[in-house]
Amino acid sequence: MSTDFSVGEKFDLLENTIDYFWTQFAGIVVLLMQLGFAFLEGGCVRYKNMQSIMIKVYLNTCIAVICWWLVGYGICMGSGKFAGTDFYAGSNFAGTKHYSHWVLQTSVGAAANSIVSGGAVERMSIIGYCFLSVAFSSFIYPICAHWTWGGGWLQELGYIDLAGSGTIHFMSALGALVLTVMLGARKNRWNEKYANEFNPSNTTYICLSTLSLYTCWIFFNAGSTTALSNTMAYAAGRATTNTIIAGASGGLTLMVLHYYKNRNEKSKFSLVMICNGNLAGLVAVTGSCDGIELWAAFVIGILGGLTYWGFGILIHKFKVDDPVDAFPIHGGCGLIGAQFPGWFNTEKGIFYGHGAKQWGIQLLGTVVWLGWSVVLHAIVIFVLKILGLLNVSHEVEEKGLDYAQCGGGGFDYQLLPPVLSTSGYENVKSAINQKQDNAPQYGQENDQQQVL
């Protein structure tokens, strides 16, 4: 049985097809961000925990997919002011946009979950992290997403956050901060005698992962337009261009800052700082990238880099053991990124003569994310602590989760030179320490150093 369509209906069908394909394709690329997070966090930890943190990232991907299918997407995109009430377990998807939108929202939700995993590095039990991941993917984040994008009350007020500087990055980083504080510092983390042991273990992983995140971030931001038809192609193009520029200016900012501080030392250049500056610029521009001019993206990238630098010093001063800099990158830069629509948006920003109303709405959203994330994460983590599912034992932490719980290291030591391969991690650690005997201690200039 054939169906005849009018010319107008054919155009509508074509537009919908283009929009749905764009949204679904962007979601598929965003899922690859999990690869970036896995290698980024793996490169930041000690060799004895490299496999365990990758397991956590992969598990939160699987958990996010199932949770978003069952409840997360319904809460996020269903009808309602506080939380959605339909589309649970894929109901009422047939013949709608929701198949393609589910792909994007689920991939974004998995990425948000990976930000929290940074706070769990090297001392949280894998089972405990799985329970935290379920809570995050089932209601902590989906409700926030509903308020911003699913027709919730903040969206009705006019809150602007295209791809989630505040809704995703700031909110998730607060969860990582609460987790980091409640877990406590790793053994000997603040003992100067052991300072070099806590430097990033693999800067090559960090570089490759950052480049992959940089690429995927374009689809993360531009794909959040969820359309290419009519004039939306211009919005997606603008978001893409601004994302690329802000990431580059953030990386250059940290290169210059690090070089200036260490200009008289051997560690004039730091690959880790350039990569983290790149990520800082990306986080800072994520909320506003579709509504700003190119010069603003350049400035935002610089401000993101400076913010990361400042928050890195702050958490180090207060001895917060944040192994992957989750809070300086995602929290600090997400905080300022959530404000930028109120300043740089061409139709509502202060710089374009539209007053401070939009900024006020952005500030309200920021306060909401602060209260919601801190309280909910603290409750869930406290319950895990009571149940004995939070920290691993001191013996497991000392030995490393890879060797105590994951069957061995993240790669085959037999493939390494003899000096490294004889006895696994102990010889790796010994060789690294010998190489770094003449390196400056943490808190001084060190070209492997992650935070200032």
Protein backbone atom coordinates (compact mmCIF):
# COMPACT_ATOMS: atom_id res chain seq x y z
CA MET A 1 0.00 0.00 0.00
CA SER A 2 1.55 3.27 -1.10
CA THR A 3 1.12 6.60 0.63
CA ASP A 4 0.97 9.85 -1.32
CA PHE A 5 2.55 12.89 0.29
CA SER A 6 2.07 16.50 -0.65
CA VAL A 7 5.12 18.60 -1.47
CA GLY A 8 4.87 20.29 1.93
CA GLU A 9 4.69 16.96 3.72
CA LYS A 10 7.73 15.71 1.81
CA PHE A 11 9.73 18.76 2.88
CA ASP A 12 8.64 18.27 6.48
CA LEU A 13 9.66 14.62 6.32
CA LEU A 14 13.05 15.56 4.86
CA GLU A 15 13.64 18.19 7.56
CA ASN A 16 12.74 15.74 10.33
CA THR A 17 15.00 13.10 8.82
CA ILE A 18 17.94 15.51 8.71
CA ASP A 19 17.32 16.72 12.28
CA TYR A 20 16.93 13.25 13.73
CA PHE A 21 19.99 11.92 11.94
CA TRP A 22 22.09 14.89 13.13
CA THR A 23 20.98 14.37 16.73
CA GLN A 24 21.60 10.63 16.64
CA PHE A 25 24.96 10.96 14.91
CA ALA A 26 26.10 13.57 17.44
CA GLY A 27 25.07 11.24 20.26
CA ILE A 28 27.14 8.40 18.81
CA VAL A 29 30.23 10.63 18.64
CA VAL A 30 29.61 11.94 22.17
CA LEU A 31 29.68 8.35 23.43
CA LEU A 32 33.31 8.24 22.29
CA MET A 33 34.06 10.83 24.98
CA GLN A 34 34.07 7.88 27.37
CA LEU A 35 37.24 6.68 25.65
CA GLY A 36 38.76 10.09 26.29
CA PHE A 37 37.73 10.11 29.95
CA ALA A 38 39.07 6.58 30.47
CA PHE A 39 42.53 7.38 29.12
CA LEU A 40 42.61 10.84 30.69
CA GLU A 41 41.93 9.45 34.15
CA GLY A 42 44.14 6.43 33.47
CA GLY A 43 47.03 8.73 32.59
CA CYS A 44 46.57 10.77 35.76
CA VAL A 45 46.72 7.88 38.25
CA ARG A 46 49.58 5.65 39.35
CA TYR A 47 50.25 2.55 37.27
CA LYS A 48 48.87 0.28 39.98
CA ASN A 49 45.38 1.80 39.53
CA MET A 50 45.25 2.41 35.79
CA GLN A 51 42.99 -0.54 34.95
CA SER A 52 40.63 0.04 37.89
CA ILE A 53 39.79 3.62 36.92
CA MET A 54 39.15 2.54 33.34
CA ILE A 55 36.84 -0.16 34.69
CA LYS A 56 34.93 2.53 36.61
CA VAL A 57 34.52 4.67 33.48
CA TYR A 58 33.36 1.72 31.40
CA LEU A 59 30.98 0.54 34.11
CA ASN A 60 29.42 3.98 34.45
CA THR A 61 28.87 3.94 30.68
CA CYS A 62 26.97 0.66 30.87
CA ILE A 63 25.07 1.75 33.98
CA ALA A 64 24.14 5.09 32.42
CA VAL A 65 22.73 3.39 29.31
CA ILE A 66 20.47 1.05 31.29
CA CYS A 67 19.38 3.70 33.79
CA TRP A 68 18.57 6.21 31.04
CA TRP A 69 16.53 3.59 29.20
CA LEU A 70 14.54 2.66 32.29
CA VAL A 71 14.03 5.98 34.10
CA GLY A 72 16.57 8.70 33.25
CA TYR A 73 15.22 9.72 29.86
CA GLY A 74 11.64 9.74 31.12
CA ILE A 75 12.59 12.02 34.01
CA CYS A 76 14.61 14.26 31.68
CA MET A 77 12.32 14.61 28.65
CA GLY A 78 8.88 13.72 29.98
CA SER A 79 6.22 16.31 30.76
CA GLY A 80 6.23 18.04 34.15
CA LYS A 81 7.76 21.01 35.97
CA PHE A 82 9.92 19.09 38.47
CA ALA A 83 10.43 15.76 36.68
CA GLY A 84 9.07 13.99 33.62
CA THR A 85 6.25 11.51 33.99
CA ASP A 86 6.38 9.57 30.70
CA PHE A 87 8.76 7.85 28.24
CA TYR A 88 9.96 5.41 30.91
CA ALA A 89 11.61 2.25 29.54
CA GLY A 90 11.20 3.56 25.99
CA SER A 91 7.43 3.79 26.13
CA ASN A 92 5.76 5.90 23.42
CA PHE A 93 8.96 6.18 21.39
CA ALA A 94 7.48 4.68 18.20
CA GLY A 95 7.18 7.16 15.35
CA THR A 96 8.73 10.04 17.34
CA LYS A 97 12.01 11.93 17.68
CA HIS A 98 12.73 10.22 20.97
CA TYR A 99 14.82 7.36 19.58
CA SER A 100 17.46 9.78 18.28
CA HIS A 101 17.15 12.12 21.25
CA TRP A 102 17.59 9.20 23.64
CA VAL A 103 20.94 8.41 21.98
CA LEU A 104 22.21 11.97 22.53
CA GLN A 105 20.87 12.42 26.06
CA THR A 106 22.15 9.03 27.20
CA SER A 107 25.63 9.68 25.82
CA VAL A 108 25.71 13.10 27.47
CA GLY A 109 24.53 11.53 30.74
CA ALA A 110 27.34 8.97 30.59
CA ALA A 111 29.87 11.77 30.06
CA ALA A 112 28.48 13.65 33.06
CA ASN A 113 28.83 10.48 35.13
CA SER A 114 32.50 10.22 34.16
CA ILE A 115 33.20 13.62 35.68
CA VAL A 116 32.13 12.27 39.07
CA SER A 117 34.35 9.20 38.66
CA GLY A 118 37.42 11.44 38.86
CA GLY A 119 36.79 11.89 42.58
CA ALA A 120 36.84 8.11 43.11
CA VAL A 121 40.36 7.57 41.87
CA GLU A 122 42.60 5.05 43.69
CA ARG A 123 40.63 4.65 46.94
CA MET A 124 36.94 3.97 46.29
CA SER A 125 35.52 0.48 45.99
CA ILE A 126 34.28 -0.49 42.55
CA ILE A 127 30.97 -1.85 43.93
CA GLY A 128 30.38 1.38 45.85
CA TYR A 129 31.07 3.42 42.73
CA CYS A 130 28.53 1.34 40.80
CA PHE A 131 25.83 2.24 43.34
CA LEU A 132 26.78 5.92 43.16
CA SER A 133 26.65 5.73 39.36
CA VAL A 134 23.13 4.28 39.51
CA ALA A 135 21.97 7.11 41.77
CA PHE A 136 23.57 9.74 39.53
CA SER A 137 22.14 8.32 36.29
CA SER A 138 18.69 7.54 37.70
CA PHE A 139 17.71 10.79 39.38
CA ILE A 140 20.51 13.20 40.45
CA TYR A 141 21.45 14.31 36.93
CA PRO A 142 18.23 13.54 34.96
CA ILE A 143 16.22 15.91 37.14
CA CYS A 144 18.75 18.69 36.54
CA ALA A 145 18.60 17.99 32.81
CA HIS A 146 14.80 18.18 32.92
CA TRP A 147 14.88 21.59 34.58
CA THR A 148 17.15 22.93 31.84
CA TRP A 149 16.12 21.12 28.64
CA GLY A 150 13.02 19.02 29.28
CA GLY A 151 10.46 21.76 29.84
CA GLY A 152 11.21 22.22 33.53
CA TRP A 153 10.89 25.35 35.60
CA LEU A 154 14.35 26.77 34.92
CA GLN A 155 13.83 26.46 31.19
CA GLU A 156 10.53 28.32 31.54
CA LEU A 157 12.33 31.12 33.38
CA GLY A 158 14.68 31.46 30.41
CA TYR A 159 17.83 29.78 31.76
CA ILE A 160 20.38 29.37 28.93
CA ASP A 161 22.84 26.47 28.95
CA LEU A 162 23.12 24.91 25.51
CA ALA A 163 25.27 21.89 26.38
CA GLY A 164 25.61 22.22 30.13
CA SER A 165 28.42 24.37 31.57
CA GLY A 166 26.30 24.59 34.73
CA THR A 167 23.81 21.76 34.36
CA ILE A 168 26.44 19.14 33.56
CA HIS A 169 29.95 20.31 34.37
CA PHE A 170 29.45 22.44 37.49
CA MET A 171 26.83 20.11 38.95
CA SER A 172 28.83 16.92 38.27
CA ALA A 173 32.10 18.44 39.51
CA LEU A 174 30.42 19.34 42.79
CA GLY A 175 29.58 15.65 43.12
CA ALA A 176 33.21 14.78 42.43
CA LEU A 177 34.31 17.31 45.07
CA VAL A 178 31.95 15.90 47.70
CA LEU A 179 33.14 12.39 46.86
CA THR A 180 36.80 13.41 47.06
CA VAL A 181 36.37 15.09 50.44
CA MET A 182 34.33 12.24 51.96
CA LEU A 183 36.78 9.61 50.71
CA GLY A 184 39.72 11.48 52.20
CA ALA A 185 43.19 11.86 50.76
CA ARG A 186 45.22 8.96 49.46
CA LYS A 187 47.85 7.60 51.83
CA ASN A 188 50.96 9.85 51.91
CA ARG A 189 49.38 12.25 49.41
CA TRP A 190 50.51 15.33 51.31
CA ASN A 191 53.81 13.90 52.58
CA GLU A 192 56.58 15.70 50.68
CA LYS A 193 58.75 12.58 50.89
CA TYR A 194 56.35 10.77 48.53
CA ALA A 195 55.41 13.75 46.36
CA ASN A 196 56.79 12.41 43.08
CA GLU A 197 54.76 9.21 43.35
CA PHE A 198 51.56 11.15 42.73
CA ASN A 199 52.53 12.81 39.46
CA PRO A 200 50.57 11.74 36.35
CA SER A 201 51.83 8.32 35.28
CA ASN A 202 51.33 8.63 31.52
CA THR A 203 51.29 12.04 29.82
CA THR A 204 50.93 10.36 26.42
CA TYR A 205 47.56 8.99 27.50
CA ILE A 206 46.57 12.45 28.71
CA CYS A 207 47.50 14.07 25.40
CA LEU A 208 45.73 11.50 23.22
CA SER A 209 42.63 11.54 25.42
CA THR A 210 42.44 15.33 25.40
CA LEU A 211 42.64 15.45 21.61
CA SER A 212 39.84 12.89 21.37
CA LEU A 213 37.73 14.85 23.88
CA TYR A 214 38.40 18.06 21.93
CA THR A 215 37.02 16.45 18.77
CA CYS A 216 34.02 14.84 20.47
CA TRP A 217 33.25 18.08 22.32
CA ILE A 218 32.35 19.70 19.00
CA PHE A 219 29.48 17.23 18.59
CA PHE A 220 28.67 17.52 22.30
CA ASN A 221 28.06 21.26 21.87
CA ALA A 222 26.84 21.57 18.30
CA GLY A 223 24.76 18.39 18.56
CA SER A 224 22.85 19.95 21.46
CA THR A 225 21.05 22.13 18.90
CA THR A 226 19.27 18.83 17.97
CA ALA A 227 18.47 20.21 14.50
CA LEU A 228 20.01 21.40 11.23
CA SER A 229 16.85 22.42 9.39
CA ASN A 230 15.82 26.02 8.78
CA THR A 231 18.36 28.30 10.52
CA MET A 232 19.57 25.75 13.07
CA ALA A 233 22.47 24.81 10.80
CA TYR A 234 23.89 28.28 11.47
CA ALA A 235 23.52 27.81 15.22
CA ALA A 236 25.31 24.46 15.00
CA GLY A 237 28.06 25.99 12.88
CA ARG A 238 28.46 28.85 15.32
CA ALA A 239 28.63 26.45 18.25
CA THR A 240 31.29 24.37 16.45
CA THR A 241 33.50 27.35 15.62
CA ASN A 242 33.25 28.87 19.09
CA THR A 243 34.03 25.51 20.70
CA ILE A 244 37.21 25.07 18.67
CA ILE A 245 38.40 28.63 19.37
CA ALA A 246 37.73 28.53 23.13
CA GLY A 247 39.54 25.21 23.52
CA ALA A 248 42.58 26.56 21.70
CA SER A 249 42.76 29.81 23.65
CA GLY A 250 42.40 27.92 26.93
CA GLY A 251 45.32 25.65 26.06
CA LEU A 252 47.52 28.56 25.00
CA THR A 253 46.68 30.46 28.19
CA LEU A 254 47.93 27.63 30.40
CA MET A 255 51.03 27.18 28.23
CA VAL A 256 51.92 30.86 28.70
CA LEU A 257 51.17 30.85 32.45
CA HIS A 258 53.21 27.72 33.06
CA TYR A 259 56.09 28.95 30.91
CA TYR A 260 56.20 32.30 32.71
CA LYS A 261 56.21 30.69 36.14
CA ASN A 262 58.86 28.12 35.19
CA ARG A 263 60.90 30.21 32.72
CA ASN A 264 64.10 29.72 34.71
CA GLU A 265 63.58 26.00 35.31
CA LYS A 266 64.00 22.86 33.22
CA SER A 267 60.23 22.34 33.18
CA LYS A 268 59.37 25.36 31.03
CA PHE A 269 56.71 23.47 29.10
CA SER A 270 54.05 21.14 30.47
CA LEU A 271 51.97 18.91 28.23
CA VAL A 272 49.55 18.26 31.09
CA MET A 273 48.93 21.97 31.66
CA ILE A 274 48.30 22.62 27.97
CA CYS A 275 45.81 19.74 27.86
CA ASN A 276 44.02 20.86 31.01
CA GLY A 277 43.87 24.43 29.70
CA ASN A 278 42.28 23.10 26.53
CA LEU A 279 39.62 21.28 28.57
CA ALA A 280 39.08 24.36 30.74
CA GLY A 281 38.30 26.50 27.70
CA LEU A 282 35.90 23.86 26.37
CA VAL A 283 33.99 23.64 29.66
CA ALA A 284 33.76 27.43 29.94
CA VAL A 285 32.23 27.90 26.46
CA THR A 286 29.86 24.92 26.53
CA GLY A 287 26.82 26.78 27.87
CA SER A 288 26.97 29.81 25.59
CA CYS A 289 28.63 28.62 22.37
CA ASP A 290 25.60 28.96 20.07
CA GLY A 291 24.77 32.55 21.05
CA ILE A 292 28.10 34.39 21.17
CA GLU A 293 30.48 35.99 18.69
CA LEU A 294 33.90 34.54 17.87
CA TRP A 295 35.84 37.16 19.83
CA ALA A 296 33.83 36.22 22.92
CA ALA A 297 34.78 32.55 22.51
CA PHE A 298 38.46 33.56 22.45
CA VAL A 299 38.02 35.61 25.64
CA ILE A 300 36.00 32.84 27.33
CA GLY A 301 38.77 30.32 26.62
CA ILE A 302 41.30 32.63 28.31
CA LEU A 303 39.01 33.15 31.30
CA GLY A 304 38.50 29.40 31.53
CA GLY A 305 42.25 28.82 31.61
CA LEU A 306 42.76 31.44 34.32
CA THR A 307 39.91 29.98 36.36
CA TYR A 308 41.37 26.49 36.19
CA TRP A 309 44.75 27.87 37.29
CA GLY A 310 43.20 29.67 40.27
CA PHE A 311 41.05 26.77 41.44
CA GLY A 312 44.03 24.41 41.08
CA ILE A 313 46.00 26.54 43.52
CA LEU A 314 43.00 26.76 45.85
CA ILE A 315 42.30 23.04 46.21
CA HIS A 316 46.01 22.34 46.62
CA LYS A 317 46.19 24.93 49.41
CA PHE A 318 43.31 23.25 51.24
CA LYS A 319 44.80 19.79 50.60
CA VAL A 320 41.85 18.46 48.64
CA ASP A 321 43.09 15.30 46.93
CA ASP A 322 41.59 15.66 43.44
CA PRO A 323 43.79 13.36 41.32
CA VAL A 324 42.38 14.32 37.91
CA ASP A 325 41.63 18.00 38.61
CA ALA A 326 37.92 17.32 38.17
CA PHE A 327 36.83 20.30 40.23
CA PRO A 328 39.22 22.96 38.86
CA ILE A 329 38.41 21.97 35.27
CA HIS A 330 34.73 21.10 35.38
CA GLY A 331 33.67 22.86 38.58
CA GLY A 332 35.51 26.17 38.38
CA CYS A 333 35.13 26.56 34.62
CA GLY A 334 31.56 25.26 34.69
CA LEU A 335 30.78 27.88 37.33
CA ILE A 336 31.93 30.79 35.19
CA GLY A 337 30.66 29.17 31.99
CA ALA A 338 27.14 29.16 33.42
CA GLN A 339 27.34 32.95 33.79
CA PHE A 340 28.56 33.79 30.29
CA PRO A 341 25.15 33.71 28.53
CA GLY A 342 24.21 36.61 30.80
CA TRP A 343 27.25 38.55 29.63
CA PHE A 344 28.13 37.56 26.05
CA ASN A 345 24.86 36.36 24.50
CA THR A 346 24.20 38.63 21.53
CA GLU A 347 20.45 38.81 22.18
CA LYS A 348 20.32 38.91 26.00
CA GLY A 349 23.81 39.70 27.32
CA ILE A 350 25.01 42.67 29.33
CA PHE A 351 27.70 43.52 26.76
CA TYR A 352 24.99 44.06 24.15
CA GLY A 353 22.91 46.46 26.24
CA HIS A 354 20.25 44.00 27.45
CA GLY A 355 20.71 44.54 31.17
CA ALA A 356 21.43 42.02 33.92
CA LYS A 357 18.16 40.08 33.92
CA GLN A 358 19.60 37.12 32.05
CA TRP A 359 22.62 37.04 34.31
CA GLY A 360 20.28 36.94 37.30
CA ILE A 361 18.57 33.86 35.86
CA GLN A 362 21.97 32.25 35.27
CA LEU A 363 22.98 32.95 38.88
CA LEU A 364 19.76 31.36 40.11
CA GLY A 365 20.53 28.21 38.13
CA THR A 366 24.04 28.13 39.58
CA VAL A 367 22.72 28.29 43.15
CA VAL A 368 20.25 25.50 42.34
CA TRP A 369 23.02 23.22 41.01
CA LEU A 370 25.14 23.94 44.07
CA GLY A 371 22.44 23.00 46.56
CA TRP A 372 21.03 20.04 44.63
CA SER A 373 24.34 18.36 43.83
CA VAL A 374 26.03 18.82 47.19
CA VAL A 375 23.04 17.63 49.22
CA LEU A 376 22.11 14.64 47.03
CA HIS A 377 25.67 13.43 46.58
CA ALA A 378 26.42 13.83 50.30
CA ILE A 379 23.38 11.71 51.22
CA VAL A 380 24.19 8.91 48.77
CA ILE A 381 27.90 8.85 49.65
CA PHE A 382 27.13 8.91 53.39
CA VAL A 383 24.88 5.86 52.98
CA LEU A 384 27.65 4.05 51.08
CA LYS A 385 30.07 4.90 53.88
CA ILE A 386 27.72 3.47 56.51
CA LEU A 387 27.36 0.29 54.44
CA GLY A 388 31.14 -0.05 54.17
CA LEU A 389 31.08 0.42 50.39
CA LEU A 390 33.01 3.68 50.13
CA ASN A 391 36.75 3.29 50.75
CA VAL A 392 38.82 0.23 49.97
CA SER A 393 41.00 -1.06 52.81
CA HIS A 394 44.42 0.48 53.44
CA GLU A 395 46.00 -2.78 52.28
CA VAL A 396 44.15 -2.65 48.95
CA GLU A 397 45.00 1.02 48.47
CA GLU A 398 48.68 0.36 49.19
CA LYS A 399 48.84 -2.61 46.83
CA GLY A 400 46.73 -0.92 44.15
CA LEU A 401 43.24 -1.81 43.01
CA ASP A 402 44.60 -3.35 39.81
CA TYR A 403 46.63 -5.95 41.69
CA ALA A 404 44.27 -6.44 44.63
CA GLN A 405 40.95 -6.65 42.77
CA CYS A 406 41.41 -6.56 38.99
CA GLY A 407 43.77 -9.45 38.33
CA GLY A 408 46.86 -7.40 37.48
CA GLY A 409 48.08 -4.21 35.91
CA GLY A 410 46.63 -2.32 32.99
CA PHE A 411 49.25 -3.62 30.55
CA ASP A 412 51.67 -6.56 30.21
CA TYR A 413 54.92 -5.81 32.00
CA GLN A 414 56.67 -8.55 30.02
CA LEU A 415 56.58 -6.19 27.04
CA LEU A 416 58.62 -3.60 28.96
CA PRO A 417 62.42 -3.42 29.20
CA PRO A 418 63.89 -5.79 31.83
CA VAL A 419 64.42 -2.99 34.36
CA LEU A 420 60.66 -2.58 34.48
CA SER A 421 59.23 -6.00 33.77
CA THR A 422 60.76 -8.28 36.41
CA SER A 423 58.38 -7.67 39.32
CA GLY A 424 55.53 -5.61 37.93
CA TYR A 425 54.49 -2.40 39.57
CA GLU A 426 57.21 -2.29 42.25
CA ASN A 427 59.91 -2.11 39.59
CA VAL A 428 57.89 0.40 37.56
CA LYS A 429 57.60 2.59 40.66
CA SER A 430 61.29 2.15 41.46
CA ALA A 431 62.37 3.06 37.95
CA ILE A 432 60.14 6.12 37.91
CA ASN A 433 61.43 7.26 41.29
CA GLN A 434 65.05 6.81 40.18
CA LYS A 435 64.38 8.88 37.11
CA GLN A 436 62.76 11.59 39.19
CA ASP A 437 65.36 11.73 42.00
CA ASN A 438 66.56 15.11 40.78
CA ALA A 439 63.11 16.45 39.92
CA PRO A 440 61.53 19.25 42.01
CA GLN A 441 59.05 18.19 44.66
CA TYR A 442 55.30 18.68 44.37
CA GLY A 443 54.41 22.29 44.99
CA GLN A 444 57.52 23.39 43.12
CA GLU A 445 58.09 23.36 39.37
CA ASN A 446 57.75 19.95 37.81
CA ASP A 447 57.06 19.28 34.19
CA GLN A 448 54.99 16.19 34.97
CA GLN A 449 53.00 18.08 37.56
CA GLN A 450 49.29 18.28 36.97
CA VAL A 451 48.35 21.21 39.17
CA LEU A 452 50.66 24.21 39.57
